[in-house]
Amino acid sequence: MTRRGPRRALARAAALVAVVVALVGVGTGTGWALWTASADAPSQTTFAKVDLGLESSSPRAVDFTAPGQSVTTAITVFNGSTVPVDYELSARVGTTGAVSADLATRIDVRVWPASTASCTSAVPDDARSGTWAAATVAAGSAPASTRVTWCWRATTTASAPDAATVNPRFEVVGGSHGWTDGWFIEDFYQNTRYASPAPAARALGCRTVDTGDGTSYATVSWDAPLDSAQWGLFVGGRRVGNTVSGQAPTKQHDVTRDMVPASLVPDGRVTVDVRSVAGAEPGPVAWTGPVVVGPNAQGQRQVSCP
């Protein structure tokens, strides 16, 4: 009889533990584990909360405006657990919105752990490599109540298509003592929005005008059908002359010697550019052509057409 008492107590304790384990194992999000201390120590029950999350202050939407550009996304694993947790952080192509599977294969991805959450350092030589279509897995161990940041550097290749979008989805899974938890972020978008190349500059017309005193100047002309447009002449990157507008369909401007002094350009062939000056900044070169600057027979500076 003296042996049956302890056995019944142990049986009741085992049943109680089984019930508690069954209770704590039910639910979503956070996992809970419990175990008892060793037989050599005073008997007590210990709970371990497994709680993982992801954080990021990086921009959720970015545009690549040219091949070869890079953007770095900082993803922080937050271990809110009461115990250390082994985790795996992965990225894959999301399915939110109009996602381009082709673009996902043409963005190179480098992954490395960071000492801060800013990811401002250069990519280390041992950074892991992949693409958004087959991204590498970042794995590690996070102590209880700590944050670990990983940097994901995405670079568009030369063959990356324009006007496309990829939606990387980051997911972390980890656990301790057989209990797991996970989290994901899927609201990141990377777009290719390449700027349209400026149209090729067209050739200026040129006519030499004799002043009658042994010197000359050049009149350059161009066809611009928009009467409301405003155009300016540039020599050596500096604007010269007046604003031209309202001369449809052909616009013209004289290039005189005072517009091309020796302090601006030397004698010889000089390029004259016509650019839009309607905005705050001059537009691209729309028309271009040469004039010739040099002395006449009397040594006076003059301008003529080639």
C-alpha atoms as a PDB file:
ATOM      1  CA  MET A   1       0.000   0.000   0.000  1.00  0.00           C
ATOM      2  CA  THR A   2       2.851   2.365   0.662  1.00  0.00           C
ATOM      3  CA  ARG A   3       3.980   2.109  -2.992  1.00  0.00           C
ATOM      4  CA  ARG A   4       0.582   2.637  -4.572  1.00  0.00           C
ATOM      5  CA  GLY A   5       0.125   6.168  -3.241  1.00  0.00           C
ATOM      6  CA  PRO A   6       3.118   7.701  -5.068  1.00  0.00           C
ATOM      7  CA  ARG A   7       2.222   5.844  -8.241  1.00  0.00           C
ATOM      8  CA  ARG A   8      -1.282   7.268  -8.212  1.00  0.00           C
ATOM      9  CA  ALA A   9       0.159  10.750  -7.608  1.00  0.00           C
ATOM     10  CA  LEU A  10       2.556  10.388 -10.519  1.00  0.00           C
ATOM     11  CA  ALA A  11      -0.243   9.207 -12.744  1.00  0.00           C
ATOM     12  CA  ARG A  12      -2.369  12.179 -11.769  1.00  0.00           C
ATOM     13  CA  ALA A  13       0.567  14.554 -12.411  1.00  0.00           C
ATOM     14  CA  ALA A  14       1.211  13.032 -15.827  1.00  0.00           C
ATOM     15  CA  ALA A  15      -2.428  13.393 -16.738  1.00  0.00           C
ATOM     16  CA  LEU A  16      -2.399  17.008 -15.592  1.00  0.00           C
ATOM     17  CA  VAL A  17       0.686  17.777 -17.696  1.00  0.00           C
ATOM     18  CA  ALA A  18      -0.926  16.134 -20.723  1.00  0.00           C
ATOM     19  CA  VAL A  19      -4.027  18.274 -20.299  1.00  0.00           C
ATOM     20  CA  VAL A  20      -1.979  21.478 -19.921  1.00  0.00           C
ATOM     21  CA  VAL A  21       0.148  20.618 -22.965  1.00  0.00           C
ATOM     22  CA  ALA A  22      -2.995  19.979 -24.955  1.00  0.00           C
ATOM     23  CA  LEU A  23      -4.375  23.337 -23.867  1.00  0.00           C
ATOM     24  CA  VAL A  24      -1.291  25.407 -24.583  1.00  0.00           C
ATOM     25  CA  GLY A  25      -0.783  23.731 -27.943  1.00  0.00           C
ATOM     26  CA  VAL A  26      -4.097  25.024 -29.258  1.00  0.00           C
ATOM     27  CA  GLY A  27      -4.232  28.445 -30.945  1.00  0.00           C
ATOM     28  CA  THR A  28      -2.607  30.515 -33.665  1.00  0.00           C
ATOM     29  CA  GLY A  29       0.332  32.888 -33.912  1.00  0.00           C
ATOM     30  CA  THR A  30       2.365  32.386 -30.775  1.00  0.00           C
ATOM     31  CA  GLY A  31       3.423  28.908 -29.708  1.00  0.00           C
ATOM     32  CA  TRP A  32       3.799  27.936 -26.055  1.00  0.00           C
ATOM     33  CA  ALA A  33       5.933  25.121 -24.704  1.00  0.00           C
ATOM     34  CA  LEU A  34       6.328  23.776 -21.178  1.00  0.00           C
ATOM     35  CA  TRP A  35       8.575  21.271 -19.505  1.00  0.00           C
ATOM     36  CA  THR A  36       9.538  20.251 -15.981  1.00  0.00           C
ATOM     37  CA  ALA A  37      12.869  20.739 -14.298  1.00  0.00           C
ATOM     38  CA  SER A  38      15.233  17.790 -13.799  1.00  0.00           C
ATOM     39  CA  ALA A  39      14.696  15.301 -11.001  1.00  0.00           C
ATOM     40  CA  ASP A  40      17.718  16.656  -9.128  1.00  0.00           C
ATOM     41  CA  ALA A  41      16.150  20.111  -8.824  1.00  0.00           C
ATOM     42  CA  PRO A  42      12.926  21.085  -7.085  1.00  0.00           C
ATOM     43  CA  SER A  43       9.998  20.145  -9.287  1.00  0.00           C
ATOM     44  CA  GLN A  44       8.572  23.124 -11.224  1.00  0.00           C
ATOM     45  CA  THR A  45       6.933  23.788 -14.566  1.00  0.00           C
ATOM     46  CA  THR A  46       8.550  26.251 -17.022  1.00  0.00           C
ATOM     47  CA  PHE A  47       6.693  27.966 -19.872  1.00  0.00           C
ATOM     48  CA  ALA A  48       8.459  29.057 -23.091  1.00  0.00           C
ATOM     49  CA  LYS A  49       6.692  31.488 -25.401  1.00  0.00           C
ATOM     50  CA  VAL A  50       7.725  31.330 -29.085  1.00  0.00           C
ATOM     51  CA  ASP A  51       6.840  34.649 -30.716  1.00  0.00           C
ATOM     52  CA  LEU A  52       8.424  35.811 -33.996  1.00  0.00           C
ATOM     53  CA  GLY A  53       7.750  38.936 -36.030  1.00  0.00           C
ATOM     54  CA  LEU A  54       9.135  40.939 -38.960  1.00  0.00           C
ATOM     55  CA  GLU A  55       9.773  44.678 -39.061  1.00  0.00           C
ATOM     56  CA  SER A  56      11.002  47.054 -41.764  1.00  0.00           C
ATOM     57  CA  SER A  57      11.256  50.818 -42.136  1.00  0.00           C
ATOM     58  CA  SER A  58      12.396  50.550 -45.771  1.00  0.00           C
ATOM     59  CA  PRO A  59      10.219  52.069 -48.519  1.00  0.00           C
ATOM     60  CA  ARG A  60       7.466  49.714 -49.575  1.00  0.00           C
ATOM     61  CA  ALA A  61       7.438  50.862 -53.218  1.00  0.00           C
ATOM     62  CA  VAL A  62      10.529  51.795 -55.242  1.00  0.00           C
ATOM     63  CA  ASP A  63      11.100  52.521 -58.933  1.00  0.00           C
ATOM     64  CA  PHE A  64      14.158  51.524 -60.935  1.00  0.00           C
ATOM     65  CA  THR A  65      14.607  54.230 -63.589  1.00  0.00           C
ATOM     66  CA  ALA A  66      17.509  52.541 -65.410  1.00  0.00           C
ATOM     67  CA  PRO A  67      19.154  49.096 -65.598  1.00  0.00           C
ATOM     68  CA  GLY A  68      21.930  48.573 -63.078  1.00  0.00           C
ATOM     69  CA  GLN A  69      20.286  50.539 -60.284  1.00  0.00           C
ATOM     70  CA  SER A  70      20.139  49.068 -56.779  1.00  0.00           C
ATOM     71  CA  VAL A  71      17.887  49.368 -53.754  1.00  0.00           C
ATOM     72  CA  THR A  72      18.447  47.865 -50.314  1.00  0.00           C
ATOM     73  CA  THR A  73      15.640  46.626 -48.089  1.00  0.00           C
ATOM     74  CA  ALA A  74      16.254  46.082 -44.375  1.00  0.00           C
ATOM     75  CA  ILE A  75      14.246  43.238 -42.854  1.00  0.00           C
ATOM     76  CA  THR A  76      14.417  42.829 -39.074  1.00  0.00           C
ATOM     77  CA  VAL A  77      13.532  39.581 -37.331  1.00  0.00           C
ATOM     78  CA  PHE A  78      12.048  40.285 -33.898  1.00  0.00           C
ATOM     79  CA  ASN A  79      12.240  37.466 -31.398  1.00  0.00           C
ATOM     80  CA  GLY A  80       9.678  38.309 -28.759  1.00  0.00           C
ATOM     81  CA  SER A  81      10.096  34.860 -27.254  1.00  0.00           C
ATOM     82  CA  THR A  82      11.197  34.072 -23.727  1.00  0.00           C
ATOM     83  CA  VAL A  83      13.810  31.682 -25.124  1.00  0.00           C
ATOM     84  CA  PRO A  84      16.383  31.797 -27.954  1.00  0.00           C
ATOM     85  CA  VAL A  85      14.901  30.842 -31.312  1.00  0.00           C
ATOM     86  CA  ASP A  86      16.491  29.340 -34.418  1.00  0.00           C
ATOM     87  CA  TYR A  87      14.911  30.923 -37.479  1.00  0.00           C
ATOM     88  CA  GLU A  88      14.932  30.976 -41.282  1.00  0.00           C
ATOM     89  CA  LEU A  89      14.161  34.187 -43.161  1.00  0.00           C
ATOM     90  CA  SER A  90      13.257  33.685 -46.815  1.00  0.00           C
ATOM     91  CA  ALA A  91      11.952  35.733 -49.727  1.00  0.00           C
ATOM     92  CA  ARG A  92       9.918  34.650 -52.685  1.00  0.00           C
ATOM     93  CA  VAL A  93       7.877  36.249 -55.436  1.00  0.00           C
ATOM     94  CA  GLY A  94       4.550  37.441 -54.132  1.00  0.00           C
ATOM     95  CA  THR A  95       1.281  37.170 -55.997  1.00  0.00           C
ATOM     96  CA  THR A  96      -0.232  40.536 -55.059  1.00  0.00           C
ATOM     97  CA  GLY A  97      -1.014  42.771 -58.029  1.00  0.00           C
ATOM     98  CA  ALA A  98       0.344  42.478 -61.568  1.00  0.00           C
ATOM     99  CA  VAL A  99       3.570  40.656 -60.777  1.00  0.00           C
ATOM    100  CA  SER A 100       6.127  39.939 -63.517  1.00  0.00           C
ATOM    101  CA  ALA A 101       7.689  36.494 -63.254  1.00  0.00           C
ATOM    102  CA  ASP A 102      10.229  37.562 -65.884  1.00  0.00           C
ATOM    103  CA  LEU A 103      11.400  40.568 -63.855  1.00  0.00           C
ATOM    104  CA  ALA A 104      11.802  38.366 -60.781  1.00  0.00           C
ATOM    105  CA  THR A 105      14.461  36.336 -62.596  1.00  0.00           C
ATOM    106  CA  ARG A 106      16.294  39.461 -63.817  1.00  0.00           C
ATOM    107  CA  ILE A 107      16.876  41.193 -60.490  1.00  0.00           C
ATOM    108  CA  ASP A 108      20.039  40.083 -58.720  1.00  0.00           C
ATOM    109  CA  VAL A 109      19.703  39.817 -54.941  1.00  0.00           C
ATOM    110  CA  ARG A 110      22.507  39.902 -52.343  1.00  0.00           C
ATOM    111  CA  VAL A 111      21.773  39.104 -48.693  1.00  0.00           C
ATOM    112  CA  TRP A 112      23.888  39.697 -45.591  1.00  0.00           C
ATOM    113  CA  PRO A 113      23.409  40.312 -41.845  1.00  0.00           C
ATOM    114  CA  ALA A 114      23.723  43.896 -40.626  1.00  0.00           C
ATOM    115  CA  SER A 115      24.990  45.359 -37.388  1.00  0.00           C
ATOM    116  CA  THR A 116      22.341  48.105 -37.571  1.00  0.00           C
ATOM    117  CA  ALA A 117      18.855  48.348 -39.012  1.00  0.00           C
ATOM    118  CA  SER A 118      19.862  50.925 -41.645  1.00  0.00           C
ATOM    119  CA  CYS A 119      21.764  48.704 -44.120  1.00  0.00           C
ATOM    120  CA  THR A 120      24.023  51.572 -45.182  1.00  0.00           C
ATOM    121  CA  SER A 121      27.236  49.560 -45.403  1.00  0.00           C
ATOM    122  CA  ALA A 122      28.691  48.198 -48.637  1.00  0.00           C
ATOM    123  CA  VAL A 123      27.826  44.682 -49.738  1.00  0.00           C
ATOM    124  CA  PRO A 124      30.345  42.296 -48.134  1.00  0.00           C
ATOM    125  CA  ASP A 125      32.243  39.821 -50.275  1.00  0.00           C
ATOM    126  CA  ASP A 126      30.602  36.864 -48.537  1.00  0.00           C
ATOM    127  CA  ALA A 127      27.039  38.083 -49.100  1.00  0.00           C
ATOM    128  CA  ARG A 128      24.712  35.374 -50.348  1.00  0.00           C
ATOM    129  CA  SER A 129      23.443  35.626 -53.930  1.00  0.00           C
ATOM    130  CA  GLY A 130      20.218  34.832 -55.722  1.00  0.00           C
ATOM    131  CA  THR A 131      17.287  36.442 -57.530  1.00  0.00           C
ATOM    132  CA  TRP A 132      13.768  37.211 -56.404  1.00  0.00           C
ATOM    133  CA  ALA A 133      12.689  34.098 -58.283  1.00  0.00           C
ATOM    134  CA  ALA A 134      15.175  31.952 -56.343  1.00  0.00           C
ATOM    135  CA  ALA A 135      16.219  34.019 -53.361  1.00  0.00           C
ATOM    136  CA  THR A 136      18.608  32.710 -50.760  1.00  0.00           C
ATOM    137  CA  VAL A 137      17.549  31.827 -47.226  1.00  0.00           C
ATOM    138  CA  ALA A 138      18.955  33.782 -44.286  1.00  0.00           C
ATOM    139  CA  ALA A 139      19.206  31.593 -41.206  1.00  0.00           C
ATOM    140  CA  GLY A 140      20.413  32.224 -37.707  1.00  0.00           C
ATOM    141  CA  SER A 141      19.631  32.212 -34.007  1.00  0.00           C
ATOM    142  CA  ALA A 142      18.104  35.140 -32.144  1.00  0.00           C
ATOM    143  CA  PRO A 143      18.358  35.445 -28.352  1.00  0.00           C
ATOM    144  CA  ALA A 144      15.184  36.097 -26.407  1.00  0.00           C
ATOM    145  CA  SER A 145      13.682  39.574 -26.823  1.00  0.00           C
ATOM    146  CA  THR A 146      16.154  40.717 -29.504  1.00  0.00           C
ATOM    147  CA  ARG A 147      16.147  41.968 -33.077  1.00  0.00           C
ATOM    148  CA  VAL A 148      18.331  40.748 -35.936  1.00  0.00           C
ATOM    149  CA  THR A 149      18.495  42.668 -39.228  1.00  0.00           C
ATOM    150  CA  TRP A 150      19.241  41.278 -42.687  1.00  0.00           C
ATOM    151  CA  CYS A 151      19.927  43.426 -45.748  1.00  0.00           C
ATOM    152  CA  TRP A 152      18.496  42.512 -49.154  1.00  0.00           C
ATOM    153  CA  ARG A 153      20.184  44.406 -52.020  1.00  0.00           C
ATOM    154  CA  ALA A 154      18.266  44.178 -55.316  1.00  0.00           C
ATOM    155  CA  THR A 155      19.938  45.241 -58.583  1.00  0.00           C
ATOM    156  CA  THR A 156      18.284  45.296 -61.997  1.00  0.00           C
ATOM    157  CA  THR A 157      20.233  43.532 -64.727  1.00  0.00           C
ATOM    158  CA  ALA A 158      20.679  44.858 -68.258  1.00  0.00           C
ATOM    159  CA  SER A 159      17.950  42.507 -69.490  1.00  0.00           C
ATOM    160  CA  ALA A 160      15.345  43.532 -66.902  1.00  0.00           C
ATOM    161  CA  PRO A 161      12.121  44.458 -68.734  1.00  0.00           C
ATOM    162  CA  ASP A 162      10.656  47.938 -68.521  1.00  0.00           C
ATOM    163  CA  ALA A 163       7.214  48.713 -67.056  1.00  0.00           C
ATOM    164  CA  ALA A 164       7.202  45.599 -64.880  1.00  0.00           C
ATOM    165  CA  THR A 165       6.631  44.925 -61.182  1.00  0.00           C
ATOM    166  CA  VAL A 166       7.891  42.349 -58.727  1.00  0.00           C
ATOM    167  CA  ASN A 167       6.422  41.812 -55.266  1.00  0.00           C
ATOM    168  CA  PRO A 168       8.965  40.186 -52.905  1.00  0.00           C
ATOM    169  CA  ARG A 169       7.355  38.507 -49.917  1.00  0.00           C
ATOM    170  CA  PHE A 170       9.470  38.008 -46.796  1.00  0.00           C
ATOM    171  CA  GLU A 171       8.682  35.203 -44.377  1.00  0.00           C
ATOM    172  CA  VAL A 172      10.291  34.066 -41.140  1.00  0.00           C
ATOM    173  CA  VAL A 173       9.769  30.703 -39.466  1.00  0.00           C
ATOM    174  CA  GLY A 174      11.471  29.605 -36.281  1.00  0.00           C
ATOM    175  CA  GLY A 175      11.068  27.666 -33.127  1.00  0.00           C
ATOM    176  CA  SER A 176      12.378  26.305 -29.878  1.00  0.00           C
ATOM    177  CA  HIS A 177      11.844  23.019 -28.040  1.00  0.00           C
ATOM    178  CA  GLY A 178       9.554  21.773 -30.776  1.00  0.00           C
ATOM    179  CA  TRP A 179       7.317  24.839 -30.836  1.00  0.00           C
ATOM    180  CA  THR A 180       7.258  27.127 -33.880  1.00  0.00           C
ATOM    181  CA  ASP A 181       5.932  30.487 -34.969  1.00  0.00           C
ATOM    182  CA  GLY A 182       6.139  32.578 -38.117  1.00  0.00           C
ATOM    183  CA  TRP A 183       5.318  35.867 -39.755  1.00  0.00           C
ATOM    184  CA  PHE A 184       5.439  37.469 -43.190  1.00  0.00           C
ATOM    185  CA  ILE A 185       5.451  40.861 -44.937  1.00  0.00           C
ATOM    186  CA  GLU A 186       4.179  41.057 -48.504  1.00  0.00           C
ATOM    187  CA  ASP A 187       3.545  44.750 -49.256  1.00  0.00           C
ATOM    188  CA  PHE A 188       6.877  45.459 -50.992  1.00  0.00           C
ATOM    189  CA  TYR A 189       6.820  46.461 -54.668  1.00  0.00           C
ATOM    190  CA  GLN A 190       9.770  47.062 -56.987  1.00  0.00           C
ATOM    191  CA  ASN A 191       8.969  48.561 -60.386  1.00  0.00           C
ATOM    192  CA  THR A 192      10.953  49.265 -63.539  1.00  0.00           C
ATOM    193  CA  ARG A 193      10.033  52.716 -64.822  1.00  0.00           C
ATOM    194  CA  TYR A 194      12.745  53.528 -67.306  1.00  0.00           C
ATOM    195  CA  ALA A 195      12.813  57.081 -68.624  1.00  0.00           C
ATOM    196  CA  SER A 196      12.147  57.418 -72.329  1.00  0.00           C
ATOM    197  CA  PRO A 197      15.315  58.398 -74.199  1.00  0.00           C
ATOM    198  CA  ALA A 198      15.388  61.946 -75.479  1.00  0.00           C
ATOM    199  CA  PRO A 199      14.802  62.171 -79.231  1.00  0.00           C
ATOM    200  CA  ALA A 200      17.892  62.675 -81.333  1.00  0.00           C
ATOM    201  CA  ALA A 201      18.762  66.300 -81.963  1.00  0.00           C
ATOM    202  CA  ARG A 202      17.992  67.523 -85.465  1.00  0.00           C
ATOM    203  CA  ALA A 203      20.262  69.632 -87.646  1.00  0.00           C
ATOM    204  CA  LEU A 204      20.035  73.406 -87.612  1.00  0.00           C
ATOM    205  CA  GLY A 205      19.805  75.326 -90.841  1.00  0.00           C
ATOM    206  CA  CYS A 206      22.488  77.978 -91.321  1.00  0.00           C
ATOM    207  CA  ARG A 207      22.826  81.044 -93.563  1.00  0.00           C
ATOM    208  CA  THR A 208      25.733  83.499 -93.655  1.00  0.00           C
ATOM    209  CA  VAL A 209      24.758  87.169 -93.710  1.00  0.00           C
ATOM    210  CA  ASP A 210      27.270  89.794 -94.927  1.00  0.00           C
ATOM    211  CA  THR A 211      27.049  92.991 -92.908  1.00  0.00           C
ATOM    212  CA  GLY A 212      28.556  95.120 -95.702  1.00  0.00           C
ATOM    213  CA  ASP A 213      31.530  96.256 -93.621  1.00  0.00           C
ATOM    214  CA  GLY A 214      33.684  93.231 -94.244  1.00  0.00           C
ATOM    215  CA  THR A 215      32.253  91.118 -91.411  1.00  0.00           C
ATOM    216  CA  SER A 216      29.458  88.582 -91.229  1.00  0.00           C
ATOM    217  CA  TYR A 217      27.130  86.786 -88.857  1.00  0.00           C
ATOM    218  CA  ALA A 218      25.197  83.514 -89.111  1.00  0.00           C
ATOM    219  CA  THR A 219      21.452  83.004 -88.952  1.00  0.00           C
ATOM    220  CA  VAL A 220      20.456  79.575 -87.659  1.00  0.00           C
ATOM    221  CA  SER A 221      16.942  78.237 -88.225  1.00  0.00           C
ATOM    222  CA  TRP A 222      14.789  75.309 -87.181  1.00  0.00           C
ATOM    223  CA  ASP A 223      11.237  74.073 -87.709  1.00  0.00           C
ATOM    224  CA  ALA A 224       9.130  74.008 -84.541  1.00  0.00           C
ATOM    225  CA  PRO A 225       5.386  73.933 -85.252  1.00  0.00           C
ATOM    226  CA  LEU A 226       4.264  74.821 -81.706  1.00  0.00           C
ATOM    227  CA  ASP A 227       3.876  78.604 -81.564  1.00  0.00           C
ATOM    228  CA  SER A 228       3.581  78.503 -77.774  1.00  0.00           C
ATOM    229  CA  ALA A 229       6.976  76.842 -77.297  1.00  0.00           C
ATOM    230  CA  GLN A 230       9.935  78.879 -76.107  1.00  0.00           C
ATOM    231  CA  TRP A 231      13.432  78.169 -77.388  1.00  0.00           C
ATOM    232  CA  GLY A 232      16.879  79.375 -76.454  1.00  0.00           C
ATOM    233  CA  LEU A 233      20.363  79.180 -77.990  1.00  0.00           C
ATOM    234  CA  PHE A 234      23.275  77.668 -76.099  1.00  0.00           C
ATOM    235  CA  VAL A 235      26.972  77.885 -76.908  1.00  0.00           C
ATOM    236  CA  GLY A 236      29.522  76.060 -74.792  1.00  0.00           C
ATOM    237  CA  GLY A 237      26.763  75.140 -72.332  1.00  0.00           C
ATOM    238  CA  ARG A 238      25.875  78.810 -71.743  1.00  0.00           C
ATOM    239  CA  ARG A 239      22.701  80.426 -72.956  1.00  0.00           C
ATOM    240  CA  VAL A 240      23.165  83.260 -75.469  1.00  0.00           C
ATOM    241  CA  GLY A 241      20.799  85.548 -77.326  1.00  0.00           C
ATOM    242  CA  ASN A 242      17.071  85.965 -76.801  1.00  0.00           C
ATOM    243  CA  THR A 243      14.102  83.651 -76.307  1.00  0.00           C
ATOM    244  CA  VAL A 244      12.522  82.622 -79.610  1.00  0.00           C
ATOM    245  CA  SER A 245       8.814  81.855 -79.953  1.00  0.00           C
ATOM    246  CA  GLY A 246       5.809  82.598 -82.131  1.00  0.00           C
ATOM    247  CA  GLN A 247       7.544  82.230 -85.480  1.00  0.00           C
ATOM    248  CA  ALA A 248       5.677  79.270 -86.889  1.00  0.00           C
ATOM    249  CA  PRO A 249       6.609  77.125 -88.594  1.00  0.00           C
ATOM    250  CA  THR A 250      10.252  78.188 -88.969  1.00  0.00           C
ATOM    251  CA  LYS A 251      12.129  79.816 -86.110  1.00  0.00           C
ATOM    252  CA  GLN A 252      15.465  81.582 -86.473  1.00  0.00           C
ATOM    253  CA  HIS A 253      18.060  83.495 -84.497  1.00  0.00           C
ATOM    254  CA  ASP A 254      21.175  85.429 -85.483  1.00  0.00           C
ATOM    255  CA  VAL A 255      24.524  84.337 -84.055  1.00  0.00           C
ATOM    256  CA  THR A 256      26.715  87.427 -83.887  1.00  0.00           C
ATOM    257  CA  ARG A 257      30.299  87.890 -82.764  1.00  0.00           C
ATOM    258  CA  ASP A 258      29.266  89.431 -79.430  1.00  0.00           C
ATOM    259  CA  MET A 259      27.443  86.161 -78.586  1.00  0.00           C
ATOM    260  CA  VAL A 260      30.606  84.093 -79.078  1.00  0.00           C
ATOM    261  CA  PRO A 261      33.461  86.133 -77.547  1.00  0.00           C
ATOM    262  CA  ALA A 262      36.960  84.703 -77.330  1.00  0.00           C
ATOM    263  CA  SER A 263      36.479  84.354 -73.566  1.00  0.00           C
ATOM    264  CA  LEU A 264      33.707  81.822 -74.265  1.00  0.00           C
ATOM    265  CA  VAL A 265      34.933  79.938 -77.332  1.00  0.00           C
ATOM    266  CA  PRO A 266      38.177  79.956 -79.338  1.00  0.00           C
ATOM    267  CA  ASP A 267      38.362  80.491 -83.074  1.00  0.00           C
ATOM    268  CA  GLY A 268      37.150  77.591 -85.197  1.00  0.00           C
ATOM    269  CA  ARG A 269      34.006  75.497 -85.481  1.00  0.00           C
ATOM    270  CA  VAL A 270      31.583  76.176 -82.650  1.00  0.00           C
ATOM    271  CA  THR A 271      28.483  74.123 -81.860  1.00  0.00           C
ATOM    272  CA  VAL A 272      25.192  75.961 -81.383  1.00  0.00           C
ATOM    273  CA  ASP A 273      22.393  74.100 -79.584  1.00  0.00           C
ATOM    274  CA  VAL A 274      18.690  74.940 -79.407  1.00  0.00           C
ATOM    275  CA  ARG A 275      16.841  73.808 -76.288  1.00  0.00           C
ATOM    276  CA  SER A 276      13.408  74.407 -74.821  1.00  0.00           C
ATOM    277  CA  VAL A 277      13.441  77.112 -72.136  1.00  0.00           C
ATOM    278  CA  ALA A 278       9.759  76.969 -71.226  1.00  0.00           C
ATOM    279  CA  GLY A 279      10.392  75.159 -67.933  1.00  0.00           C
ATOM    280  CA  ALA A 280      12.464  75.862 -64.850  1.00  0.00           C
ATOM    281  CA  GLU A 281      15.363  73.934 -66.387  1.00  0.00           C
ATOM    282  CA  PRO A 282      16.379  73.834 -70.067  1.00  0.00           C
ATOM    283  CA  GLY A 283      15.197  70.798 -71.976  1.00  0.00           C
ATOM    284  CA  PRO A 284      17.409  68.400 -73.931  1.00  0.00           C
ATOM    285  CA  VAL A 285      19.121  69.539 -77.111  1.00  0.00           C
ATOM    286  CA  ALA A 286      16.464  69.578 -79.830  1.00  0.00           C
ATOM    287  CA  TRP A 287      18.494  71.079 -82.687  1.00  0.00           C
ATOM    288  CA  THR A 288      22.225  71.473 -83.121  1.00  0.00           C
ATOM    289  CA  GLY A 289      24.669  72.664 -85.726  1.00  0.00           C
ATOM    290  CA  PRO A 290      28.072  74.310 -86.262  1.00  0.00           C
ATOM    291  CA  VAL A 291      29.095  77.839 -87.054  1.00  0.00           C
ATOM    292  CA  VAL A 292      32.596  79.113 -87.777  1.00  0.00           C
ATOM    293  CA  VAL A 293      34.117  81.839 -85.620  1.00  0.00           C
ATOM    294  CA  GLY A 294      37.311  83.662 -86.612  1.00  0.00           C
ATOM    295  CA  PRO A 295      38.882  86.920 -87.819  1.00  0.00           C
ATOM    296  CA  ASN A 296      38.178  88.517 -91.160  1.00  0.00           C
ATOM    297  CA  ALA A 297      40.864  90.067 -93.378  1.00  0.00           C
ATOM    298  CA  GLN A 298      41.094  93.053 -91.065  1.00  0.00           C
ATOM    299  CA  GLY A 299      41.390  90.867 -87.963  1.00  0.00           C
ATOM    300  CA  GLN A 300      37.837  91.507 -86.794  1.00  0.00           C
ATOM    301  CA  ARG A 301      35.975  88.579 -85.222  1.00  0.00           C
ATOM    302  CA  GLN A 302      33.057  87.335 -87.289  1.00  0.00           C
ATOM    303  CA  VAL A 303      30.653  84.390 -87.551  1.00  0.00           C
ATOM    304  CA  SER A 304      29.778  82.424 -90.679  1.00  0.00           C
ATOM    305  CA  CYS A 305      28.349  79.065 -91.717  1.00  0.00           C
ATOM    306  CA  PRO A 306      30.694  76.155 -92.559  1.00  0.00           C
END
